[in-house]
Amino acid sequence: MQLKSDDNAQWGESLKDFEPEYTAIKAWSPIQMYRLIGKRTIISLDNFEPTYGKYALYSPQERRYYFKSFPGVSLWLMLFYKTNEDWDSWDRIINDFRQRIGAGLVYLLLTEEEIKDMTEKLVKLYTTNLSDNGKLDYRLYIELVDISLRYEEYKDKHKNLTGFRTVCNTFETKIAELWKLAHTQK
């Protein structure tokens, strides 16, 4: 890496400055900061951990990419926690991270080992869920994780609501459509 630094931060003038140690991938979802634990292939909140700990945060004002570490917030907090902007706990960290990803300012910094691990997971998920050989598309994987976790959260919190089964059927149909799409993309 060819980063510059001062007492407060490290940064690069471009994403190339993080090479060859890291490969930069633009983040579009907080889910990208998490991975399935071990050899698990079931998409469930309990099966994810924060792992991709390094990222570059682009500062448009300074035109720099700051080298940052992910704080290790749980996936449930990142996706479902209702924050209060005036509170000064995880709320500020979660709000800032969600907003920065939404603004397109975050780039995951992945090592070769992390890329290899993710590739193996995508192959394993495809093989396990579709009983066929292939590899799940990464963008489709993130979408599947998002909808599956939102479905899990809905089932936990809203089982006594009117229309519960209808909403569950909608989630299940969307998940089935995404797996079907994965099979056609192969």
Protein backbone atom coordinates (compact mmCIF):
# COMPACT_ATOMS: atom_id res chain seq x y z
CA MET A 1 0.00 0.00 0.00
CA GLN A 2 1.11 3.52 -0.68
CA LEU A 3 -0.87 5.49 1.87
CA LYS A 4 -0.15 8.88 3.35
CA SER A 5 -0.78 9.54 7.02
CA ASP A 6 -0.80 12.04 9.82
CA ASP A 7 -1.55 11.67 13.54
CA ASN A 8 -5.27 11.10 12.91
CA ALA A 9 -5.69 9.08 9.72
CA GLN A 10 -4.29 7.18 6.75
CA TRP A 11 -5.47 7.85 3.22
CA GLY A 12 -4.83 7.27 -0.43
CA GLU A 13 -5.29 9.61 -3.36
CA SER A 14 -6.93 6.78 -5.35
CA LEU A 15 -8.12 3.23 -4.77
CA LYS A 16 -4.94 2.02 -6.51
CA ASP A 17 -3.01 3.19 -3.45
CA PHE A 18 -4.50 0.25 -1.47
CA GLU A 19 -3.10 -2.34 -3.88
CA PRO A 20 -1.65 -5.00 -3.90
CA GLU A 21 -2.76 -5.82 -0.33
CA TYR A 22 -6.42 -5.02 -1.00
CA THR A 23 -8.89 -5.08 -3.86
CA ALA A 24 -11.51 -2.31 -3.66
CA ILE A 25 -15.19 -3.11 -4.30
CA LYS A 26 -17.85 -0.40 -4.13
CA ALA A 27 -20.33 -1.07 -1.31
CA TRP A 28 -24.03 -0.65 -2.01
CA SER A 29 -25.39 -2.53 1.03
CA PRO A 30 -24.28 -2.85 4.67
CA ILE A 31 -24.71 -6.62 4.23
CA GLN A 32 -21.46 -6.64 2.28
CA MET A 33 -19.57 -6.11 5.56
CA TYR A 34 -20.71 -9.52 6.84
CA ARG A 35 -20.19 -13.14 5.90
CA LEU A 36 -21.66 -16.51 6.72
CA ILE A 37 -19.92 -18.19 9.64
CA GLY A 38 -17.81 -21.23 8.85
CA LYS A 39 -19.35 -23.78 6.50
CA ARG A 40 -22.95 -22.67 7.02
CA THR A 41 -25.22 -22.30 4.01
CA ILE A 42 -28.44 -21.26 5.73
CA ILE A 43 -29.20 -17.57 5.36
CA SER A 44 -30.23 -16.57 8.88
CA LEU A 45 -29.28 -13.65 11.14
CA ASP A 46 -27.57 -16.03 13.56
CA ASN A 47 -25.26 -17.29 10.82
CA PHE A 48 -23.58 -13.98 9.97
CA GLU A 49 -20.63 -12.21 11.53
CA PRO A 50 -18.85 -8.96 10.72
CA THR A 51 -15.65 -9.89 8.98
CA TYR A 52 -14.62 -7.59 6.18
CA GLY A 53 -13.11 -5.14 8.58
CA LYS A 54 -11.30 -2.75 6.27
CA TYR A 55 -12.85 -0.22 3.95
CA ALA A 56 -12.00 3.00 2.16
CA LEU A 57 -14.19 6.01 2.82
CA TYR A 58 -14.15 8.58 0.05
CA SER A 59 -14.16 12.24 1.07
CA PRO A 60 -15.44 14.33 -1.87
CA GLN A 61 -14.26 17.57 -0.26
CA GLU A 62 -10.67 16.40 0.13
CA ARG A 63 -10.70 13.94 -2.78
CA ARG A 64 -9.13 11.25 -0.62
CA TYR A 65 -9.91 7.66 0.30
CA TYR A 66 -9.52 7.22 4.06
CA PHE A 67 -8.44 3.82 5.35
CA LYS A 68 -11.00 2.72 7.97
CA SER A 69 -11.89 -0.28 10.12
CA PHE A 70 -15.47 -1.51 10.43
CA PRO A 71 -16.62 -1.25 14.07
CA GLY A 72 -18.04 -4.81 14.21
CA VAL A 73 -21.68 -3.90 14.73
CA SER A 74 -23.98 -6.94 14.58
CA LEU A 75 -25.94 -7.49 11.37
CA TRP A 76 -29.26 -7.20 13.21
CA LEU A 77 -28.30 -3.75 14.53
CA MET A 78 -27.08 -2.61 11.12
CA LEU A 79 -30.24 -3.70 9.28
CA PHE A 80 -33.10 -3.40 11.75
CA TYR A 81 -32.17 -1.13 14.60
CA LYS A 82 -34.30 2.02 14.64
CA THR A 83 -31.86 4.77 15.44
CA ASN A 84 -32.32 8.09 17.15
CA GLU A 85 -30.09 10.76 15.61
CA ASP A 86 -29.72 12.57 18.95
CA TRP A 87 -28.44 9.54 20.84
CA ASP A 88 -24.71 9.08 21.08
CA SER A 89 -24.17 5.31 21.19
CA TRP A 90 -24.29 2.88 18.29
CA ASP A 91 -26.86 5.18 16.71
CA ARG A 92 -24.32 7.64 15.34
CA ILE A 93 -22.07 4.86 13.99
CA ILE A 94 -24.98 3.00 12.38
CA ASN A 95 -26.55 6.15 10.91
CA ASP A 96 -23.22 7.39 9.54
CA PHE A 97 -22.38 4.03 7.98
CA ARG A 98 -25.84 3.60 6.42
CA GLN A 99 -25.72 7.14 4.99
CA ARG A 100 -22.19 6.78 3.62
CA ILE A 101 -23.07 3.53 1.85
CA GLY A 102 -26.23 5.13 0.47
CA ALA A 103 -24.17 8.04 -0.83
CA GLY A 104 -21.72 5.68 -2.56
CA LEU A 105 -18.72 6.70 -0.47
CA VAL A 106 -17.71 3.29 0.92
CA TYR A 107 -15.43 0.76 -0.80
CA LEU A 108 -14.76 -2.64 0.72
CA LEU A 109 -11.09 -3.50 0.88
CA LEU A 110 -10.77 -7.24 0.45
CA THR A 111 -7.66 -9.38 0.68
CA GLU A 112 -7.07 -12.23 -1.77
CA GLU A 113 -8.01 -14.67 1.01
CA GLU A 114 -11.34 -12.89 1.64
CA ILE A 115 -12.15 -12.94 -2.09
CA LYS A 116 -11.31 -16.64 -2.25
CA ASP A 117 -13.48 -17.32 0.82
CA MET A 118 -16.44 -15.43 -0.68
CA THR A 119 -16.07 -17.24 -4.01
CA GLU A 120 -16.11 -20.60 -2.23
CA LYS A 121 -19.23 -19.54 -0.28
CA LEU A 122 -21.02 -18.51 -3.48
CA VAL A 123 -20.27 -21.89 -5.06
CA LYS A 124 -21.35 -23.74 -1.92
CA LEU A 125 -24.59 -21.75 -1.58
CA TYR A 126 -25.44 -22.41 -5.22
CA THR A 127 -24.68 -26.12 -4.98
CA THR A 128 -26.55 -26.59 -1.68
CA ASN A 129 -29.67 -24.62 -2.57
CA LEU A 130 -30.03 -25.59 -6.23
CA SER A 131 -28.53 -29.12 -6.24
CA ASP A 132 -26.50 -28.22 -9.29
CA ASN A 133 -22.99 -27.05 -10.06
CA GLY A 134 -22.47 -23.32 -10.46
CA LYS A 135 -21.71 -20.13 -8.61
CA LEU A 136 -24.19 -17.63 -7.20
CA ASP A 137 -23.80 -14.11 -8.58
CA TYR A 138 -22.49 -11.79 -5.82
CA ARG A 139 -25.10 -9.06 -6.38
CA LEU A 140 -27.86 -11.67 -6.37
CA TYR A 141 -26.41 -13.14 -3.19
CA ILE A 142 -26.63 -9.77 -1.42
CA GLU A 143 -30.24 -9.37 -2.60
CA LEU A 144 -31.09 -12.89 -1.39
CA VAL A 145 -29.54 -12.23 1.99
CA ASP A 146 -31.40 -8.92 2.32
CA ILE A 147 -34.84 -10.33 1.48
CA SER A 148 -34.28 -13.52 3.51
CA LEU A 149 -33.25 -11.59 6.62
CA ARG A 150 -36.13 -9.15 6.26
CA TYR A 151 -38.47 -12.15 5.99
CA GLU A 152 -36.94 -13.69 9.13
CA GLU A 153 -37.37 -10.41 11.00
CA TYR A 154 -40.98 -10.06 9.79
CA LYS A 155 -41.85 -13.59 10.96
CA ASP A 156 -40.35 -12.91 14.40
CA LYS A 157 -42.01 -9.56 15.01
CA HIS A 158 -45.36 -9.63 13.18
CA LYS A 159 -46.81 -13.14 13.46
CA ASN A 160 -50.07 -11.89 15.02
CA LEU A 161 -50.86 -9.25 12.40
CA THR A 162 -53.74 -9.48 9.95
CA GLY A 163 -52.42 -10.53 6.56
CA PHE A 164 -49.38 -12.28 8.05
CA ARG A 165 -49.65 -15.31 5.74
CA THR A 166 -50.11 -13.10 2.66
CA VAL A 167 -46.95 -11.14 3.45
CA CYS A 168 -45.09 -14.40 4.16
CA ASN A 169 -46.21 -15.77 0.78
CA THR A 170 -44.95 -12.60 -0.90
CA PHE A 171 -41.53 -12.99 0.75
CA GLU A 172 -41.38 -16.70 -0.14
CA THR A 173 -42.33 -15.99 -3.77
CA LYS A 174 -39.64 -13.31 -4.07
CA ILE A 175 -37.00 -15.63 -2.58
CA ALA A 176 -38.03 -18.45 -4.94
CA GLU A 177 -37.84 -16.03 -7.90
CA LEU A 178 -34.32 -14.97 -6.90
CA TRP A 179 -33.15 -18.60 -6.66
CA LYS A 180 -34.74 -19.30 -10.03
CA LEU A 181 -32.90 -16.30 -11.47
CA ALA A 182 -29.67 -17.61 -9.93
CA HIS A 183 -30.22 -20.92 -11.66
CA THR A 184 -30.80 -19.27 -15.05
CA GLN A 185 -27.73 -17.02 -14.66
CA LYS A 186 -25.47 -19.90 -13.65
